[in-house]
Amino acid sequence: MNVSIVGATGYGGLELIRFLGNHPHLEIASLHTSSQFGRNIYEENAHLMHMDYKLEEIDAEAIAKKSDIVFLATPSGVSSKLISEFCDLDIKVIDLSGDLRLQTPGEYAQWYKKEPAPQHIIEKSVYGLAEWNKEQIEQADIIANPGCYPTATLLGLAPLFTEGWATGEDVIVDAKSGVSGAGKSPTAVTHYSEMNENFKIYKVNQHQHIPEVEQQLGRWFADIKPITFNTHLVPMTRGIMATMYVKVNRQTTKAEVRDLFETVYANHPFVRIQPLGQFPSTKQVYGSNFCDIGVDYDERTGRVTIVSVIDNLVKGAAGQAIQNANILMGLKETAGLWSAPLYP
């Protein structure tokens, strides 16, 4: 099966290329960008010197003729304009941006400060949280790939909410990300002299991923209250750690909480639950599609602490997009993704 990538020169697009180059069933048919037409992908990305792909203009009809799936690895605000060109063509679309995730009219404009995609297309898209929406993904034509922070957060929160353990009140998410989450284009905030030996909180109580997390939690738990969700930049390239604090509605033990998570994710190969008393680090998932989770219960406060780590460019972007493509096309979910993290 052939695939095309729009936005091939960004970090998400480059990670798609890295994994698809070794995929047993999906083959790259074309790479597309809004600039650099006619140049080879390796001219500004020397790590891809073994690949001979010319960058092409974005032409939806031409892409649909040569590919079964198109990945839109574009910044927010771009996919919303492109999606109408693809939705009437015979091609599946997986959008890695935030443009199709928020279902409630007006929310996208409020949080992203951009014009939304047409509402009928948004309503047609399926939220691609692979471990939890598999049946919908299998039938989808358009998939809204989750954000990196929401992936780490929702995979960590899901067992408590889907199994009825959470009260739905006072959920706190304290999340940190490496600077690649800010994209490939350099900014005053992310360049070396600003981030080296530094640690920053940003978008306090205003991050655009807040409504995305609340939307999915609301599907699992009708009485969910607004959450506290804050994000930080860490001076490292890759990785997200989300530390979450959730009040539960019962007396329990550390072992029972850990058993709950182990049971819920028993048949999900990319989610690995830590032994009791151990907590994951970002390095142990580096370059991989794994989400590693550690849990603890505090009897004094009645809260469960969940620590969830992912590679923001893989499980938080390209890896989950390929996982969704595998599900969509009836392939083994782990195809092209079953590799050990990079270590050290």
C-alpha atoms as a PDB file:
ATOM      1  CA  MET A   1       0.000   0.000   0.000  1.00  0.00           C
ATOM      2  CA  ASN A   2       1.268   3.449  -0.921  1.00  0.00           C
ATOM      3  CA  VAL A   3       1.338   6.510   1.309  1.00  0.00           C
ATOM      4  CA  SER A   4       2.137  10.178   0.801  1.00  0.00           C
ATOM      5  CA  ILE A   5       3.340  12.715   3.356  1.00  0.00           C
ATOM      6  CA  VAL A   6       2.379  16.390   3.242  1.00  0.00           C
ATOM      7  CA  GLY A   7       4.717  18.432   5.422  1.00  0.00           C
ATOM      8  CA  ALA A   8       7.579  16.005   4.938  1.00  0.00           C
ATOM      9  CA  THR A   9      10.340  18.359   6.086  1.00  0.00           C
ATOM     10  CA  GLY A  10       9.046  19.033   9.614  1.00  0.00           C
ATOM     11  CA  TYR A  11       9.985  16.892  12.590  1.00  0.00           C
ATOM     12  CA  GLY A  12       6.761  14.874  12.388  1.00  0.00           C
ATOM     13  CA  GLY A  13       7.187  14.295   8.655  1.00  0.00           C
ATOM     14  CA  LEU A  14      10.805  13.242   9.071  1.00  0.00           C
ATOM     15  CA  GLU A  15       9.820  10.719  11.747  1.00  0.00           C
ATOM     16  CA  LEU A  16       7.155   9.312   9.413  1.00  0.00           C
ATOM     17  CA  ILE A  17       9.845   8.850   6.778  1.00  0.00           C
ATOM     18  CA  ARG A  18      12.148   7.112   9.291  1.00  0.00           C
ATOM     19  CA  PHE A  19       9.551   4.529  10.321  1.00  0.00           C
ATOM     20  CA  LEU A  20       7.880   4.052   6.939  1.00  0.00           C
ATOM     21  CA  GLY A  21      11.270   3.326   5.389  1.00  0.00           C
ATOM     22  CA  ASN A  22      11.239   0.007   7.278  1.00  0.00           C
ATOM     23  CA  HIS A  23       7.516  -0.725   7.158  1.00  0.00           C
ATOM     24  CA  PRO A  24       6.690  -4.160   5.698  1.00  0.00           C
ATOM     25  CA  HIS A  25       3.417  -3.087   4.058  1.00  0.00           C
ATOM     26  CA  LEU A  26       3.373   0.699   3.626  1.00  0.00           C
ATOM     27  CA  GLU A  27       5.601   2.266   1.008  1.00  0.00           C
ATOM     28  CA  ILE A  28       6.290   5.968   0.533  1.00  0.00           C
ATOM     29  CA  ALA A  29       4.955   7.060  -2.862  1.00  0.00           C
ATOM     30  CA  SER A  30       5.604  10.787  -2.563  1.00  0.00           C
ATOM     31  CA  LEU A  31       6.719  13.575  -0.243  1.00  0.00           C
ATOM     32  CA  HIS A  32       5.157  17.031  -0.364  1.00  0.00           C
ATOM     33  CA  THR A  33       5.957  20.462   1.008  1.00  0.00           C
ATOM     34  CA  SER A  34       4.788  24.031   0.591  1.00  0.00           C
ATOM     35  CA  SER A  35       8.322  25.009  -0.464  1.00  0.00           C
ATOM     36  CA  GLN A  36      11.612  23.450  -1.678  1.00  0.00           C
ATOM     37  CA  PHE A  37       9.895  21.850  -4.681  1.00  0.00           C
ATOM     38  CA  GLY A  38      12.167  19.672  -6.785  1.00  0.00           C
ATOM     39  CA  ARG A  39      14.841  19.338  -4.131  1.00  0.00           C
ATOM     40  CA  ASN A  40      15.762  15.977  -2.667  1.00  0.00           C
ATOM     41  CA  ILE A  41      14.670  15.295   0.916  1.00  0.00           C
ATOM     42  CA  TYR A  42      18.277  14.695   1.967  1.00  0.00           C
ATOM     43  CA  GLU A  43      19.543  18.095   0.810  1.00  0.00           C
ATOM     44  CA  GLU A  44      18.588  19.679   4.127  1.00  0.00           C
ATOM     45  CA  ASN A  45      18.249  16.413   6.060  1.00  0.00           C
ATOM     46  CA  ALA A  46      21.598  14.665   5.742  1.00  0.00           C
ATOM     47  CA  HIS A  47      20.504  11.715   7.883  1.00  0.00           C
ATOM     48  CA  LEU A  48      18.303  10.640   4.920  1.00  0.00           C
ATOM     49  CA  MET A  49      21.120  10.452   2.352  1.00  0.00           C
ATOM     50  CA  HIS A  50      20.227   6.811   1.699  1.00  0.00           C
ATOM     51  CA  MET A  51      16.746   7.843   0.488  1.00  0.00           C
ATOM     52  CA  ASP A  52      16.074   9.299  -2.943  1.00  0.00           C
ATOM     53  CA  TYR A  53      12.814  11.246  -2.751  1.00  0.00           C
ATOM     54  CA  LYS A  54      12.110  14.509  -4.545  1.00  0.00           C
ATOM     55  CA  LEU A  55       9.916  17.016  -2.743  1.00  0.00           C
ATOM     56  CA  GLU A  56       6.727  17.749  -4.676  1.00  0.00           C
ATOM     57  CA  GLU A  57       4.041  20.411  -4.600  1.00  0.00           C
ATOM     58  CA  ILE A  58       0.793  19.696  -2.767  1.00  0.00           C
ATOM     59  CA  ASP A  59      -1.746  18.477  -5.310  1.00  0.00           C
ATOM     60  CA  ALA A  60      -4.582  16.534  -3.689  1.00  0.00           C
ATOM     61  CA  GLU A  61      -5.837  14.825  -6.841  1.00  0.00           C
ATOM     62  CA  ALA A  62      -2.348  13.724  -7.858  1.00  0.00           C
ATOM     63  CA  ILE A  63      -1.686  12.398  -4.352  1.00  0.00           C
ATOM     64  CA  ALA A  64      -4.968  10.442  -4.326  1.00  0.00           C
ATOM     65  CA  LYS A  65      -4.087   8.772  -7.621  1.00  0.00           C
ATOM     66  CA  LYS A  66      -0.825   7.363  -6.299  1.00  0.00           C
ATOM     67  CA  SER A  67      -1.556   6.656  -2.611  1.00  0.00           C
ATOM     68  CA  ASP A  68      -4.009   4.886  -0.312  1.00  0.00           C
ATOM     69  CA  ILE A  69      -3.246   7.127   2.685  1.00  0.00           C
ATOM     70  CA  VAL A  70      -2.012  10.689   3.046  1.00  0.00           C
ATOM     71  CA  PHE A  71      -0.426  11.884   6.275  1.00  0.00           C
ATOM     72  CA  LEU A  72      -0.868  15.608   6.891  1.00  0.00           C
ATOM     73  CA  ALA A  73       2.170  16.434   9.033  1.00  0.00           C
ATOM     74  CA  THR A  74       1.522  20.155   8.844  1.00  0.00           C
ATOM     75  CA  PRO A  75       1.364  22.945  11.430  1.00  0.00           C
ATOM     76  CA  SER A  76      -2.014  23.813  12.910  1.00  0.00           C
ATOM     77  CA  GLY A  77      -3.987  26.070  10.592  1.00  0.00           C
ATOM     78  CA  VAL A  78      -2.756  24.337   7.419  1.00  0.00           C
ATOM     79  CA  SER A  79      -4.669  21.047   7.505  1.00  0.00           C
ATOM     80  CA  SER A  80      -7.920  22.926   8.087  1.00  0.00           C
ATOM     81  CA  LYS A  81      -7.489  24.470   4.637  1.00  0.00           C
ATOM     82  CA  LEU A  82      -6.193  21.334   2.881  1.00  0.00           C
ATOM     83  CA  ILE A  83      -8.688  18.829   4.230  1.00  0.00           C
ATOM     84  CA  SER A  84     -11.546  19.900   1.924  1.00  0.00           C
ATOM     85  CA  GLU A  85      -9.377  19.054  -1.084  1.00  0.00           C
ATOM     86  CA  PHE A  86      -8.949  15.447   0.083  1.00  0.00           C
ATOM     87  CA  CYS A  87     -12.323  14.560   1.616  1.00  0.00           C
ATOM     88  CA  ASP A  88     -14.096  13.833  -1.694  1.00  0.00           C
ATOM     89  CA  LEU A  89     -11.222  11.762  -3.094  1.00  0.00           C
ATOM     90  CA  ASP A  90     -10.570   8.030  -2.752  1.00  0.00           C
ATOM     91  CA  ILE A  91      -7.885   8.325  -0.082  1.00  0.00           C
ATOM     92  CA  LYS A  92      -7.664   7.961   3.689  1.00  0.00           C
ATOM     93  CA  VAL A  93      -6.415  10.999   5.621  1.00  0.00           C
ATOM     94  CA  ILE A  94      -4.468  10.996   8.886  1.00  0.00           C
ATOM     95  CA  ASP A  95      -3.984  14.524  10.217  1.00  0.00           C
ATOM     96  CA  LEU A  96      -1.165  15.046  12.724  1.00  0.00           C
ATOM     97  CA  SER A  97      -2.084  18.660  13.473  1.00  0.00           C
ATOM     98  CA  GLY A  98      -4.721  19.846  15.939  1.00  0.00           C
ATOM     99  CA  ASP A  99      -7.110  21.065  13.259  1.00  0.00           C
ATOM    100  CA  LEU A 100      -9.641  18.204  13.384  1.00  0.00           C
ATOM    101  CA  ARG A 101      -9.547  17.169  17.053  1.00  0.00           C
ATOM    102  CA  LEU A 102     -12.007  19.538  18.712  1.00  0.00           C
ATOM    103  CA  GLN A 103     -15.610  18.644  17.907  1.00  0.00           C
ATOM    104  CA  THR A 104     -17.471  21.515  19.607  1.00  0.00           C
ATOM    105  CA  PRO A 105     -18.028  24.489  17.264  1.00  0.00           C
ATOM    106  CA  GLY A 106     -16.038  27.538  18.308  1.00  0.00           C
ATOM    107  CA  GLU A 107     -13.533  25.710  20.518  1.00  0.00           C
ATOM    108  CA  TYR A 108     -10.809  25.490  17.896  1.00  0.00           C
ATOM    109  CA  ALA A 109     -10.949  29.234  17.162  1.00  0.00           C
ATOM    110  CA  GLN A 110     -10.952  29.987  20.883  1.00  0.00           C
ATOM    111  CA  TRP A 111      -7.911  27.879  21.785  1.00  0.00           C
ATOM    112  CA  TYR A 112      -5.852  27.903  18.567  1.00  0.00           C
ATOM    113  CA  LYS A 113      -6.703  31.453  17.440  1.00  0.00           C
ATOM    114  CA  LYS A 114      -7.125  30.232  13.847  1.00  0.00           C
ATOM    115  CA  GLU A 115      -9.945  29.571  11.411  1.00  0.00           C
ATOM    116  CA  PRO A 116     -11.337  26.030  11.841  1.00  0.00           C
ATOM    117  CA  ALA A 117     -11.881  23.364   9.232  1.00  0.00           C
ATOM    118  CA  PRO A 118     -15.468  22.930   7.943  1.00  0.00           C
ATOM    119  CA  GLN A 119     -17.609  21.568  10.774  1.00  0.00           C
ATOM    120  CA  HIS A 120     -19.020  18.685   8.716  1.00  0.00           C
ATOM    121  CA  ILE A 121     -15.479  17.414   8.096  1.00  0.00           C
ATOM    122  CA  ILE A 122     -14.556  17.753  11.771  1.00  0.00           C
ATOM    123  CA  GLU A 123     -17.635  15.723  12.724  1.00  0.00           C
ATOM    124  CA  LYS A 124     -16.659  13.045  10.212  1.00  0.00           C
ATOM    125  CA  SER A 125     -13.149  12.649  11.638  1.00  0.00           C
ATOM    126  CA  VAL A 126     -12.304  10.004  14.238  1.00  0.00           C
ATOM    127  CA  TYR A 127     -10.069  10.775  17.203  1.00  0.00           C
ATOM    128  CA  GLY A 128      -7.093   8.459  16.755  1.00  0.00           C
ATOM    129  CA  LEU A 129      -6.219   7.489  20.319  1.00  0.00           C
ATOM    130  CA  ALA A 130      -5.200   4.069  19.077  1.00  0.00           C
ATOM    131  CA  GLU A 131      -5.518   2.040  22.288  1.00  0.00           C
ATOM    132  CA  TRP A 132      -9.034   3.333  22.989  1.00  0.00           C
ATOM    133  CA  ASN A 133     -10.777   4.072  19.675  1.00  0.00           C
ATOM    134  CA  LYS A 134      -9.732   1.053  17.618  1.00  0.00           C
ATOM    135  CA  GLU A 135     -13.207   0.093  16.348  1.00  0.00           C
ATOM    136  CA  GLN A 136     -13.914   3.627  15.117  1.00  0.00           C
ATOM    137  CA  ILE A 137     -10.457   3.923  13.552  1.00  0.00           C
ATOM    138  CA  GLU A 138     -11.008   0.720  11.580  1.00  0.00           C
ATOM    139  CA  GLN A 139     -14.023   2.318   9.840  1.00  0.00           C
ATOM    140  CA  ALA A 140     -12.640   5.845   9.446  1.00  0.00           C
ATOM    141  CA  ASP A 141     -11.891   7.892   6.349  1.00  0.00           C
ATOM    142  CA  ILE A 142     -10.341  10.788   8.277  1.00  0.00           C
ATOM    143  CA  ILE A 143      -8.349  10.394  11.491  1.00  0.00           C
ATOM    144  CA  ALA A 144      -7.439  13.232  13.832  1.00  0.00           C
ATOM    145  CA  ASN A 145      -4.163  12.069  15.360  1.00  0.00           C
ATOM    146  CA  PRO A 146      -4.009  13.072  19.057  1.00  0.00           C
ATOM    147  CA  GLY A 147      -1.566  15.668  20.337  1.00  0.00           C
ATOM    148  CA  CYS A 148       1.609  14.660  22.142  1.00  0.00           C
ATOM    149  CA  TYR A 149       0.612  15.946  25.593  1.00  0.00           C
ATOM    150  CA  PRO A 150      -2.925  14.482  25.313  1.00  0.00           C
ATOM    151  CA  THR A 151      -1.548  11.075  24.312  1.00  0.00           C
ATOM    152  CA  ALA A 152       0.670  10.818  27.390  1.00  0.00           C
ATOM    153  CA  THR A 153      -2.067  12.270  29.600  1.00  0.00           C
ATOM    154  CA  LEU A 154      -5.042  10.274  28.350  1.00  0.00           C
ATOM    155  CA  LEU A 155      -3.227   6.943  28.319  1.00  0.00           C
ATOM    156  CA  GLY A 156      -2.311   7.620  31.941  1.00  0.00           C
ATOM    157  CA  LEU A 157      -5.793   8.704  33.027  1.00  0.00           C
ATOM    158  CA  ALA A 158      -7.890   6.229  31.021  1.00  0.00           C
ATOM    159  CA  PRO A 159      -7.987   3.223  33.385  1.00  0.00           C
ATOM    160  CA  LEU A 160      -9.298   5.267  36.314  1.00  0.00           C
ATOM    161  CA  PHE A 161     -11.979   6.969  34.219  1.00  0.00           C
ATOM    162  CA  THR A 162     -13.111   4.067  32.054  1.00  0.00           C
ATOM    163  CA  GLU A 163     -13.315   1.705  35.033  1.00  0.00           C
ATOM    164  CA  GLY A 164     -15.222   4.159  37.241  1.00  0.00           C
ATOM    165  CA  TRP A 165     -12.521   4.779  39.851  1.00  0.00           C
ATOM    166  CA  ALA A 166     -12.125   8.543  39.387  1.00  0.00           C
ATOM    167  CA  THR A 167     -14.296  11.166  41.077  1.00  0.00           C
ATOM    168  CA  GLY A 168     -13.896  13.501  38.091  1.00  0.00           C
ATOM    169  CA  GLU A 169     -12.930  16.427  40.332  1.00  0.00           C
ATOM    170  CA  ASP A 170      -9.624  18.258  40.826  1.00  0.00           C
ATOM    171  CA  VAL A 171      -7.657  16.383  38.168  1.00  0.00           C
ATOM    172  CA  ILE A 172      -4.173  17.882  37.992  1.00  0.00           C
ATOM    173  CA  VAL A 173      -1.760  17.307  35.103  1.00  0.00           C
ATOM    174  CA  ASP A 174       1.814  18.574  35.393  1.00  0.00           C
ATOM    175  CA  ALA A 175       3.558  17.928  32.062  1.00  0.00           C
ATOM    176  CA  LYS A 176       7.051  18.524  30.652  1.00  0.00           C
ATOM    177  CA  SER A 177       8.317  18.300  27.080  1.00  0.00           C
ATOM    178  CA  GLY A 178      11.550  18.429  25.165  1.00  0.00           C
ATOM    179  CA  VAL A 179      11.969  21.352  22.769  1.00  0.00           C
ATOM    180  CA  SER A 180      11.266  19.351  19.588  1.00  0.00           C
ATOM    181  CA  GLY A 181       7.611  19.618  20.577  1.00  0.00           C
ATOM    182  CA  ALA A 182       7.787  23.271  19.571  1.00  0.00           C
ATOM    183  CA  GLY A 183       8.526  22.300  15.961  1.00  0.00           C
ATOM    184  CA  LYS A 184      11.472  22.666  13.612  1.00  0.00           C
ATOM    185  CA  SER A 185      11.388  26.429  13.072  1.00  0.00           C
ATOM    186  CA  PRO A 186      13.655  28.175  15.600  1.00  0.00           C
ATOM    187  CA  THR A 187      12.196  30.753  17.968  1.00  0.00           C
ATOM    188  CA  ALA A 188      13.529  33.090  20.634  1.00  0.00           C
ATOM    189  CA  VAL A 189      12.073  30.767  23.266  1.00  0.00           C
ATOM    190  CA  THR A 190      13.637  27.535  22.035  1.00  0.00           C
ATOM    191  CA  HIS A 191      17.111  28.383  20.762  1.00  0.00           C
ATOM    192  CA  TYR A 192      20.104  27.019  22.645  1.00  0.00           C
ATOM    193  CA  SER A 193      21.119  30.027  24.728  1.00  0.00           C
ATOM    194  CA  GLU A 194      17.536  30.388  26.009  1.00  0.00           C
ATOM    195  CA  MET A 195      16.849  26.727  26.827  1.00  0.00           C
ATOM    196  CA  ASN A 196      20.232  25.328  27.865  1.00  0.00           C
ATOM    197  CA  GLU A 197      20.378  24.882  31.662  1.00  0.00           C
ATOM    198  CA  ASN A 198      16.882  26.324  31.889  1.00  0.00           C
ATOM    199  CA  PHE A 199      13.387  25.094  32.760  1.00  0.00           C
ATOM    200  CA  LYS A 200      10.264  27.019  31.731  1.00  0.00           C
ATOM    201  CA  ILE A 201       6.554  26.878  32.317  1.00  0.00           C
ATOM    202  CA  TYR A 202       4.494  28.201  29.412  1.00  0.00           C
ATOM    203  CA  LYS A 203       0.881  28.791  28.366  1.00  0.00           C
ATOM    204  CA  VAL A 204      -0.205  28.656  31.994  1.00  0.00           C
ATOM    205  CA  ASN A 205      -3.820  27.431  32.126  1.00  0.00           C
ATOM    206  CA  GLN A 206      -4.102  28.317  28.415  1.00  0.00           C
ATOM    207  CA  HIS A 207      -2.589  25.387  26.537  1.00  0.00           C
ATOM    208  CA  GLN A 208      -4.533  24.400  23.409  1.00  0.00           C
ATOM    209  CA  HIS A 209      -4.448  20.737  24.442  1.00  0.00           C
ATOM    210  CA  ILE A 210      -6.658  21.364  27.496  1.00  0.00           C
ATOM    211  CA  PRO A 211      -9.983  21.075  25.609  1.00  0.00           C
ATOM    212  CA  GLU A 212      -8.705  18.013  23.734  1.00  0.00           C
ATOM    213  CA  VAL A 213      -8.017  16.168  26.991  1.00  0.00           C
ATOM    214  CA  GLU A 214     -11.306  17.304  28.548  1.00  0.00           C
ATOM    215  CA  GLN A 215     -13.252  16.273  25.438  1.00  0.00           C
ATOM    216  CA  GLN A 216     -11.998  12.677  25.628  1.00  0.00           C
ATOM    217  CA  LEU A 217     -12.364  12.473  29.404  1.00  0.00           C
ATOM    218  CA  GLY A 218     -15.966  13.620  28.946  1.00  0.00           C
ATOM    219  CA  ARG A 219     -16.597  10.685  26.610  1.00  0.00           C
ATOM    220  CA  TRP A 220     -15.411   8.312  29.318  1.00  0.00           C
ATOM    221  CA  PHE A 221     -16.916  10.101  32.322  1.00  0.00           C
ATOM    222  CA  ALA A 222     -19.955  12.339  31.937  1.00  0.00           C
ATOM    223  CA  ASP A 223     -19.400  14.313  35.154  1.00  0.00           C
ATOM    224  CA  ILE A 224     -15.823  15.388  34.461  1.00  0.00           C
ATOM    225  CA  LYS A 225     -14.990  18.836  35.833  1.00  0.00           C
ATOM    226  CA  PRO A 226     -12.475  21.239  34.261  1.00  0.00           C
ATOM    227  CA  ILE A 227      -8.940  19.994  34.783  1.00  0.00           C
ATOM    228  CA  THR A 228      -5.775  21.818  35.817  1.00  0.00           C
ATOM    229  CA  PHE A 229      -3.245  21.248  33.042  1.00  0.00           C
ATOM    230  CA  ASN A 230       0.119  22.984  32.784  1.00  0.00           C
ATOM    231  CA  THR A 231       3.158  22.451  30.589  1.00  0.00           C
ATOM    232  CA  HIS A 232       6.884  23.056  30.827  1.00  0.00           C
ATOM    233  CA  LEU A 233       9.862  23.075  28.461  1.00  0.00           C
ATOM    234  CA  VAL A 234      12.854  20.981  29.505  1.00  0.00           C
ATOM    235  CA  PRO A 235      16.339  21.380  27.935  1.00  0.00           C
ATOM    236  CA  MET A 236      16.276  18.056  26.086  1.00  0.00           C
ATOM    237  CA  THR A 237      15.418  17.199  22.501  1.00  0.00           C
ATOM    238  CA  ARG A 238      12.716  14.538  22.852  1.00  0.00           C
ATOM    239  CA  GLY A 239      10.356  13.224  25.445  1.00  0.00           C
ATOM    240  CA  ILE A 240       7.249  14.025  27.469  1.00  0.00           C
ATOM    241  CA  MET A 241       6.575  13.233  31.100  1.00  0.00           C
ATOM    242  CA  ALA A 242       3.049  13.816  32.361  1.00  0.00           C
ATOM    243  CA  THR A 243       2.581  13.510  36.130  1.00  0.00           C
ATOM    244  CA  MET A 244      -1.079  13.292  37.074  1.00  0.00           C
ATOM    245  CA  TYR A 245      -2.941  13.448  40.375  1.00  0.00           C
ATOM    246  CA  VAL A 246      -6.436  11.941  40.504  1.00  0.00           C
ATOM    247  CA  LYS A 247      -8.824  11.623  43.454  1.00  0.00           C
ATOM    248  CA  VAL A 248     -10.437   8.174  43.527  1.00  0.00           C
ATOM    249  CA  ASN A 249     -13.819   7.204  44.914  1.00  0.00           C
ATOM    250  CA  ARG A 250     -12.732   4.243  47.018  1.00  0.00           C
ATOM    251  CA  GLN A 251     -10.221   3.021  49.543  1.00  0.00           C
ATOM    252  CA  THR A 252      -7.633   1.007  47.710  1.00  0.00           C
ATOM    253  CA  THR A 253      -3.966   0.002  47.787  1.00  0.00           C
ATOM    254  CA  LYS A 254      -0.922   0.624  45.637  1.00  0.00           C
ATOM    255  CA  ALA A 255      -1.030  -2.981  44.436  1.00  0.00           C
ATOM    256  CA  GLU A 256      -4.710  -2.789  43.457  1.00  0.00           C
ATOM    257  CA  VAL A 257      -4.114   0.380  41.439  1.00  0.00           C
ATOM    258  CA  ARG A 258      -1.158  -1.162  39.667  1.00  0.00           C
ATOM    259  CA  ASP A 259      -3.178  -4.332  38.946  1.00  0.00           C
ATOM    260  CA  LEU A 260      -5.958  -2.196  37.436  1.00  0.00           C
ATOM    261  CA  PHE A 261      -3.548  -0.599  34.970  1.00  0.00           C
ATOM    262  CA  GLU A 262      -1.894  -3.919  34.158  1.00  0.00           C
ATOM    263  CA  THR A 263      -5.283  -5.530  33.444  1.00  0.00           C
ATOM    264  CA  VAL A 264      -6.611  -2.653  31.321  1.00  0.00           C
ATOM    265  CA  TYR A 265      -3.509  -2.561  29.117  1.00  0.00           C
ATOM    266  CA  ALA A 266      -2.820  -6.309  29.009  1.00  0.00           C
ATOM    267  CA  ASN A 267      -3.603  -6.523  25.280  1.00  0.00           C
ATOM    268  CA  HIS A 268      -2.022  -3.232  24.225  1.00  0.00           C
ATOM    269  CA  PRO A 269       1.592  -3.887  23.228  1.00  0.00           C
ATOM    270  CA  PHE A 270       2.752  -0.257  23.194  1.00  0.00           C
ATOM    271  CA  VAL A 271       1.719   0.506  26.790  1.00  0.00           C
ATOM    272  CA  ARG A 272       4.116  -0.859  29.403  1.00  0.00           C
ATOM    273  CA  ILE A 273       3.215  -0.712  33.101  1.00  0.00           C
ATOM    274  CA  GLN A 274       6.106  -0.345  35.529  1.00  0.00           C
ATOM    275  CA  PRO A 275       6.573  -2.689  38.505  1.00  0.00           C
ATOM    276  CA  LEU A 276       5.180  -1.360  41.756  1.00  0.00           C
ATOM    277  CA  GLY A 277       7.459   1.276  43.264  1.00  0.00           C
ATOM    278  CA  GLN A 278       9.189   2.087  39.975  1.00  0.00           C
ATOM    279  CA  PHE A 279       8.526   5.102  37.754  1.00  0.00           C
ATOM    280  CA  PRO A 280       9.489   5.667  34.121  1.00  0.00           C
ATOM    281  CA  SER A 281      11.960   8.145  32.669  1.00  0.00           C
ATOM    282  CA  THR A 282      11.770   9.696  29.218  1.00  0.00           C
ATOM    283  CA  LYS A 283      15.024   8.025  28.155  1.00  0.00           C
ATOM    284  CA  GLN A 284      13.468   4.560  28.328  1.00  0.00           C
ATOM    285  CA  VAL A 285      11.018   5.326  25.495  1.00  0.00           C
ATOM    286  CA  TYR A 286      13.368   7.514  23.385  1.00  0.00           C
ATOM    287  CA  GLY A 287      12.810   7.032  19.649  1.00  0.00           C
ATOM    288  CA  SER A 288      10.056   4.444  20.199  1.00  0.00           C
ATOM    289  CA  ASN A 289       6.271   4.120  20.068  1.00  0.00           C
ATOM    290  CA  PHE A 290       5.995   2.969  23.688  1.00  0.00           C
ATOM    291  CA  CYS A 291       4.132   4.709  26.488  1.00  0.00           C
ATOM    292  CA  ASP A 292       5.502   3.658  29.886  1.00  0.00           C
ATOM    293  CA  ILE A 293       3.402   4.250  32.999  1.00  0.00           C
ATOM    294  CA  GLY A 294       4.111   4.078  36.720  1.00  0.00           C
ATOM    295  CA  VAL A 295       1.443   4.462  39.424  1.00  0.00           C
ATOM    296  CA  ASP A 296       1.175   4.992  43.160  1.00  0.00           C
ATOM    297  CA  TYR A 297      -1.612   5.520  45.685  1.00  0.00           C
ATOM    298  CA  ASP A 298      -1.447   7.948  48.622  1.00  0.00           C
ATOM    299  CA  GLU A 299      -3.691   6.760  51.462  1.00  0.00           C
ATOM    300  CA  ARG A 300      -3.430  10.160  53.214  1.00  0.00           C
ATOM    301  CA  THR A 301      -4.971  12.113  50.317  1.00  0.00           C
ATOM    302  CA  GLY A 302      -6.955   9.415  48.508  1.00  0.00           C
ATOM    303  CA  ARG A 303      -5.153  10.343  45.299  1.00  0.00           C
ATOM    304  CA  VAL A 304      -3.530   8.187  42.663  1.00  0.00           C
ATOM    305  CA  THR A 305      -0.302   9.515  41.161  1.00  0.00           C
ATOM    306  CA  ILE A 306       0.320   8.485  37.555  1.00  0.00           C
ATOM    307  CA  VAL A 307       3.578   9.091  35.690  1.00  0.00           C
ATOM    308  CA  SER A 308       3.331   8.626  31.920  1.00  0.00           C
ATOM    309  CA  VAL A 309       6.226   9.035  29.467  1.00  0.00           C
ATOM    310  CA  ILE A 310       6.362   9.013  25.662  1.00  0.00           C
ATOM    311  CA  ASP A 311       8.590  10.213  22.851  1.00  0.00           C
ATOM    312  CA  ASN A 312       6.649  13.263  21.657  1.00  0.00           C
ATOM    313  CA  LEU A 313       7.690  12.775  18.014  1.00  0.00           C
ATOM    314  CA  VAL A 314       6.823   9.060  17.910  1.00  0.00           C
ATOM    315  CA  LYS A 315       3.973   7.939  20.168  1.00  0.00           C
ATOM    316  CA  GLY A 316       2.988  11.603  20.355  1.00  0.00           C
ATOM    317  CA  ALA A 317       2.964  12.096  16.575  1.00  0.00           C
ATOM    318  CA  ALA A 318       4.391   9.942  13.756  1.00  0.00           C
ATOM    319  CA  GLY A 319       4.420   6.588  15.542  1.00  0.00           C
ATOM    320  CA  GLN A 320       0.797   6.809  16.610  1.00  0.00           C
ATOM    321  CA  ALA A 321      -0.123   8.000  13.116  1.00  0.00           C
ATOM    322  CA  ILE A 322       1.429   4.828  11.657  1.00  0.00           C
ATOM    323  CA  GLN A 323      -0.220   2.738  14.374  1.00  0.00           C
ATOM    324  CA  ASN A 324      -3.536   4.264  13.264  1.00  0.00           C
ATOM    325  CA  ALA A 325      -2.703   3.540   9.621  1.00  0.00           C
ATOM    326  CA  ASN A 326      -2.033  -0.095  10.513  1.00  0.00           C
ATOM    327  CA  ILE A 327      -5.414  -0.362  12.250  1.00  0.00           C
ATOM    328  CA  LEU A 328      -7.148   1.461   9.403  1.00  0.00           C
ATOM    329  CA  MET A 329      -5.737  -0.861   6.739  1.00  0.00           C
ATOM    330  CA  GLY A 330      -6.266  -4.097   8.680  1.00  0.00           C
ATOM    331  CA  LEU A 331      -2.573  -4.665   9.347  1.00  0.00           C
ATOM    332  CA  LYS A 332      -0.868  -5.889  12.496  1.00  0.00           C
ATOM    333  CA  GLU A 333      -0.921  -2.929  14.886  1.00  0.00           C
ATOM    334  CA  THR A 334       2.811  -3.161  15.578  1.00  0.00           C
ATOM    335  CA  ALA A 335       3.887  -3.343  11.914  1.00  0.00           C
ATOM    336  CA  GLY A 336       6.879  -1.122  11.254  1.00  0.00           C
ATOM    337  CA  LEU A 337       6.909   0.098  14.862  1.00  0.00           C
ATOM    338  CA  TRP A 338       8.099  -2.840  16.931  1.00  0.00           C
ATOM    339  CA  SER A 339      11.600  -1.652  17.703  1.00  0.00           C
ATOM    340  CA  ALA A 340      13.425  -1.093  20.991  1.00  0.00           C
ATOM    341  CA  PRO A 341      13.941   2.445  22.234  1.00  0.00           C
ATOM    342  CA  LEU A 342      17.301   4.112  21.583  1.00  0.00           C
ATOM    343  CA  TYR A 343      19.571   3.685  24.610  1.00  0.00           C
ATOM    344  CA  PRO A 344      21.640   5.255  25.991  1.00  0.00           C
END
